[in-house]
N, C-alpha and C. Protein backbone atom coordinates (compact mmCIF):
# COMPACT_ATOMS: atom_id res chain seq x y z
N MET A 1 -16.80 -22.21 19.00
CA MET A 1 -15.89 -21.30 18.36
C MET A 1 -14.58 -22.01 18.04
N LYS A 2 -14.01 -22.72 18.99
CA LYS A 2 -12.76 -23.42 18.74
C LYS A 2 -12.96 -24.55 17.73
N LYS A 3 -14.13 -25.17 17.78
CA LYS A 3 -14.42 -26.25 16.85
C LYS A 3 -14.50 -25.72 15.42
N THR A 4 -15.13 -24.58 15.22
CA THR A 4 -15.23 -23.97 13.90
C THR A 4 -13.85 -23.60 13.38
N LEU A 5 -13.02 -23.04 14.23
CA LEU A 5 -11.68 -22.65 13.84
C LEU A 5 -10.86 -23.88 13.45
N LEU A 6 -11.00 -24.96 14.21
CA LEU A 6 -10.28 -26.19 13.90
C LEU A 6 -10.73 -26.78 12.57
N VAL A 7 -12.03 -26.80 12.33
CA VAL A 7 -12.56 -27.33 11.08
C VAL A 7 -12.07 -26.51 9.89
N MET A 8 -12.10 -25.20 10.02
CA MET A 8 -11.65 -24.35 8.92
C MET A 8 -10.16 -24.52 8.66
N THR A 9 -9.38 -24.67 9.72
CA THR A 9 -7.94 -24.90 9.56
C THR A 9 -7.68 -26.22 8.84
N LEU A 10 -8.42 -27.25 9.17
CA LEU A 10 -8.27 -28.54 8.49
C LEU A 10 -8.67 -28.46 7.02
N ILE A 11 -9.73 -27.75 6.73
CA ILE A 11 -10.17 -27.59 5.34
C ILE A 11 -9.10 -26.85 4.54
N ILE A 12 -8.56 -25.80 5.11
CA ILE A 12 -7.51 -25.04 4.43
C ILE A 12 -6.29 -25.91 4.18
N ALA A 13 -5.91 -26.72 5.17
CA ALA A 13 -4.75 -27.60 5.02
C ALA A 13 -4.97 -28.62 3.90
N ILE A 14 -6.18 -29.13 3.78
CA ILE A 14 -6.49 -30.08 2.71
C ILE A 14 -6.37 -29.41 1.35
N PHE A 15 -6.89 -28.21 1.22
CA PHE A 15 -6.80 -27.50 -0.05
C PHE A 15 -5.36 -27.17 -0.41
N LEU A 16 -4.57 -26.77 0.56
CA LEU A 16 -3.18 -26.42 0.28
C LEU A 16 -2.35 -27.64 -0.09
N SER A 17 -2.74 -28.80 0.36
CA SER A 17 -1.97 -30.00 0.02
C SER A 17 -2.13 -30.38 -1.45
N GLY A 18 -3.13 -29.86 -2.13
CA GLY A 18 -3.37 -30.19 -3.53
C GLY A 18 -2.82 -29.15 -4.49
N CYS A 19 -1.85 -28.36 -4.09
CA CYS A 19 -1.33 -27.26 -4.90
C CYS A 19 -0.30 -27.68 -5.95
N SER A 20 0.12 -28.93 -5.95
CA SER A 20 1.25 -29.32 -6.80
C SER A 20 0.96 -29.17 -8.30
N GLY A 21 -0.25 -29.33 -8.74
CA GLY A 21 -0.56 -29.23 -10.16
C GLY A 21 -1.06 -27.86 -10.59
N MET A 22 -0.97 -26.88 -9.71
CA MET A 22 -1.51 -25.56 -10.01
C MET A 22 -0.45 -24.64 -10.58
N SER A 23 -0.90 -23.60 -11.28
CA SER A 23 0.02 -22.57 -11.77
C SER A 23 0.45 -21.70 -10.60
N ASP A 24 1.45 -20.88 -10.81
CA ASP A 24 1.90 -19.96 -9.76
C ASP A 24 0.78 -19.02 -9.33
N THR A 25 0.02 -18.54 -10.29
CA THR A 25 -1.09 -17.63 -9.98
C THR A 25 -2.11 -18.32 -9.08
N GLN A 26 -2.48 -19.53 -9.44
CA GLN A 26 -3.45 -20.26 -8.64
C GLN A 26 -2.92 -20.55 -7.24
N GLN A 27 -1.66 -20.93 -7.14
CA GLN A 27 -1.07 -21.23 -5.84
C GLN A 27 -1.04 -19.99 -4.95
N ARG A 28 -0.61 -18.87 -5.51
CA ARG A 28 -0.51 -17.64 -4.72
C ARG A 28 -1.88 -17.13 -4.32
N THR A 29 -2.86 -17.22 -5.21
CA THR A 29 -4.21 -16.77 -4.87
C THR A 29 -4.82 -17.65 -3.79
N LEU A 30 -4.66 -18.96 -3.92
CA LEU A 30 -5.20 -19.88 -2.92
C LEU A 30 -4.50 -19.72 -1.59
N SER A 31 -3.19 -19.58 -1.62
CA SER A 31 -2.45 -19.40 -0.37
C SER A 31 -2.85 -18.10 0.32
N GLY A 32 -2.98 -17.04 -0.45
CA GLY A 32 -3.43 -15.77 0.12
C GLY A 32 -4.81 -15.88 0.72
N GLY A 33 -5.69 -16.57 0.03
CA GLY A 33 -7.05 -16.77 0.55
C GLY A 33 -7.06 -17.57 1.83
N ALA A 34 -6.22 -18.60 1.89
CA ALA A 34 -6.16 -19.44 3.09
C ALA A 34 -5.59 -18.67 4.27
N ILE A 35 -4.54 -17.92 4.02
CA ILE A 35 -3.95 -17.13 5.09
C ILE A 35 -4.93 -16.06 5.56
N GLY A 36 -5.59 -15.40 4.60
CA GLY A 36 -6.59 -14.39 4.95
C GLY A 36 -7.76 -14.99 5.71
N ALA A 37 -8.21 -16.18 5.30
CA ALA A 37 -9.32 -16.83 5.99
C ALA A 37 -8.94 -17.17 7.43
N SER A 38 -7.74 -17.65 7.62
CA SER A 38 -7.29 -17.99 8.97
C SER A 38 -7.24 -16.75 9.85
N ALA A 39 -6.62 -15.70 9.33
CA ALA A 39 -6.53 -14.46 10.11
C ALA A 39 -7.92 -13.87 10.34
N GLY A 40 -8.76 -13.90 9.32
CA GLY A 40 -10.12 -13.38 9.46
C GLY A 40 -10.95 -14.17 10.46
N ALA A 41 -10.76 -15.47 10.50
CA ALA A 41 -11.49 -16.30 11.46
C ALA A 41 -11.08 -15.97 12.89
N ILE A 42 -9.79 -15.73 13.07
CA ILE A 42 -9.31 -15.40 14.42
C ILE A 42 -9.86 -14.04 14.84
N VAL A 43 -9.75 -13.05 13.96
CA VAL A 43 -10.27 -11.71 14.28
C VAL A 43 -11.78 -11.77 14.47
N GLY A 44 -12.47 -12.53 13.61
CA GLY A 44 -13.91 -12.66 13.73
C GLY A 44 -14.34 -13.34 15.01
N ALA A 45 -13.55 -14.33 15.46
CA ALA A 45 -13.87 -15.02 16.70
C ALA A 45 -13.74 -14.06 17.89
N VAL A 46 -12.73 -13.23 17.86
CA VAL A 46 -12.54 -12.25 18.93
C VAL A 46 -13.67 -11.21 18.90
N ALA A 47 -14.06 -10.81 17.68
CA ALA A 47 -15.09 -9.78 17.54
C ALA A 47 -16.50 -10.34 17.72
N GLY A 48 -16.66 -11.65 17.66
CA GLY A 48 -17.97 -12.24 17.88
C GLY A 48 -18.67 -12.77 16.65
N ASN A 49 -18.04 -12.72 15.47
CA ASN A 49 -18.67 -13.24 14.26
C ASN A 49 -17.61 -13.93 13.41
N THR A 50 -17.35 -15.19 13.73
CA THR A 50 -16.29 -15.95 13.07
C THR A 50 -16.53 -16.09 11.57
N GLY A 51 -17.75 -16.38 11.18
CA GLY A 51 -18.06 -16.60 9.77
C GLY A 51 -17.82 -15.37 8.92
N MET A 52 -18.24 -14.23 9.40
CA MET A 52 -18.05 -12.98 8.66
C MET A 52 -16.56 -12.66 8.55
N GLY A 53 -15.83 -12.82 9.64
CA GLY A 53 -14.39 -12.57 9.61
C GLY A 53 -13.69 -13.50 8.65
N LEU A 54 -14.12 -14.75 8.63
CA LEU A 54 -13.54 -15.75 7.74
C LEU A 54 -13.78 -15.37 6.28
N ALA A 55 -14.98 -14.98 5.96
CA ALA A 55 -15.32 -14.62 4.57
C ALA A 55 -14.57 -13.38 4.11
N ILE A 56 -14.54 -12.36 4.95
CA ILE A 56 -13.84 -11.12 4.58
C ILE A 56 -12.35 -11.38 4.47
N GLY A 57 -11.79 -12.14 5.41
CA GLY A 57 -10.37 -12.45 5.37
C GLY A 57 -9.99 -13.25 4.14
N ALA A 58 -10.83 -14.22 3.78
CA ALA A 58 -10.55 -15.05 2.61
C ALA A 58 -10.57 -14.20 1.33
N ALA A 59 -11.55 -13.33 1.21
CA ALA A 59 -11.63 -12.49 0.02
C ALA A 59 -10.44 -11.53 -0.06
N ALA A 60 -10.12 -10.91 1.05
CA ALA A 60 -8.99 -9.97 1.06
C ALA A 60 -7.68 -10.71 0.79
N GLY A 61 -7.51 -11.89 1.38
CA GLY A 61 -6.29 -12.66 1.18
C GLY A 61 -6.15 -13.15 -0.25
N ALA A 62 -7.23 -13.60 -0.85
CA ALA A 62 -7.18 -14.05 -2.24
C ALA A 62 -6.83 -12.89 -3.17
N ALA A 63 -7.43 -11.73 -2.92
CA ALA A 63 -7.10 -10.55 -3.73
C ALA A 63 -5.63 -10.17 -3.54
N GLY A 64 -5.17 -10.21 -2.31
CA GLY A 64 -3.77 -9.90 -2.04
C GLY A 64 -2.82 -10.89 -2.70
N GLY A 65 -3.17 -12.18 -2.66
CA GLY A 65 -2.34 -13.20 -3.31
C GLY A 65 -2.29 -13.01 -4.81
N TYR A 66 -3.41 -12.65 -5.41
CA TYR A 66 -3.44 -12.41 -6.85
C TYR A 66 -2.60 -11.19 -7.22
N LEU A 67 -2.74 -10.11 -6.45
CA LEU A 67 -1.96 -8.91 -6.72
C LEU A 67 -0.46 -9.17 -6.55
N TYR A 68 -0.11 -9.95 -5.55
CA TYR A 68 1.29 -10.31 -5.35
C TYR A 68 1.81 -11.11 -6.54
N ASP A 69 1.00 -12.01 -7.06
CA ASP A 69 1.40 -12.80 -8.23
C ASP A 69 1.64 -11.90 -9.43
N GLN A 70 0.77 -10.93 -9.64
CA GLN A 70 0.94 -10.02 -10.77
C GLN A 70 2.22 -9.19 -10.62
N HIS A 71 2.53 -8.81 -9.39
CA HIS A 71 3.75 -8.06 -9.12
C HIS A 71 4.98 -8.92 -9.43
N GLU A 72 4.96 -10.17 -9.00
CA GLU A 72 6.09 -11.07 -9.26
C GLU A 72 6.27 -11.32 -10.76
N LYS A 73 5.17 -11.46 -11.48
CA LYS A 73 5.25 -11.66 -12.94
C LYS A 73 5.81 -10.42 -13.62
N SER A 74 5.45 -9.25 -13.12
CA SER A 74 5.97 -8.01 -13.68
C SER A 74 7.48 -7.92 -13.46
N LYS A 75 7.94 -8.27 -12.28
CA LYS A 75 9.38 -8.26 -12.00
C LYS A 75 10.12 -9.25 -12.89
N GLU A 76 9.55 -10.43 -13.06
CA GLU A 76 10.17 -11.46 -13.90
C GLU A 76 10.25 -10.99 -15.36
N SER A 77 9.19 -10.36 -15.84
CA SER A 77 9.17 -9.87 -17.21
C SER A 77 10.21 -8.76 -17.41
N ALA A 78 10.32 -7.86 -16.44
CA ALA A 78 11.31 -6.78 -16.54
C ALA A 78 12.73 -7.35 -16.53
N TYR A 79 12.95 -8.37 -15.72
CA TYR A 79 14.28 -9.00 -15.68
C TYR A 79 14.62 -9.63 -17.04
N LYS A 80 13.65 -10.35 -17.60
CA LYS A 80 13.88 -11.00 -18.89
C LYS A 80 14.13 -9.97 -19.99
N ASP A 81 13.37 -8.87 -19.97
CA ASP A 81 13.58 -7.82 -20.97
C ASP A 81 14.97 -7.22 -20.84
N GLY A 82 15.41 -6.96 -19.62
CA GLY A 82 16.74 -6.41 -19.40
C GLY A 82 17.82 -7.38 -19.80
N TYR A 83 17.62 -8.65 -19.50
CA TYR A 83 18.59 -9.67 -19.86
C TYR A 83 18.73 -9.76 -21.38
N ASN A 84 17.59 -9.80 -22.07
CA ASN A 84 17.61 -9.89 -23.53
C ASN A 84 18.25 -8.65 -24.16
N ALA A 85 18.00 -7.48 -23.61
CA ALA A 85 18.60 -6.25 -24.12
C ALA A 85 20.11 -6.29 -23.91
N GLY A 86 20.56 -6.83 -22.80
CA GLY A 86 22.00 -6.97 -22.55
C GLY A 86 22.65 -7.95 -23.50
N GLN A 87 21.96 -9.02 -23.84
CA GLN A 87 22.50 -10.01 -24.77
C GLN A 87 22.62 -9.42 -26.18
N LYS A 88 21.66 -8.58 -26.55
CA LYS A 88 21.70 -7.97 -27.89
C LYS A 88 22.81 -6.93 -28.00
N ALA A 89 23.15 -6.31 -26.87
CA ALA A 89 24.15 -5.25 -26.87
C ALA A 89 25.58 -5.80 -27.03
N LYS A 90 25.76 -7.07 -26.80
CA LYS A 90 27.12 -7.66 -26.88
C LYS A 90 27.61 -7.73 -28.28
């Protein structure tokens, strides 16, 4: 169990080290998936099925990371729209 958790943590660390050439969406989705996989592996290990916890956690984390990215893009777009409207009003 500890060996599986260590291997998965190392794999996640390797994937996260290659984020420099990715878009914000890709980085946030991958980071969410990695965080979810880690948490899922821990919960799965306690519950007795590390692999299932890892898979569910990774899927939930990736979905959460993607949704967070869409939220951040929406905020950025609203800010730009407001800024442009303010510039036109001058």
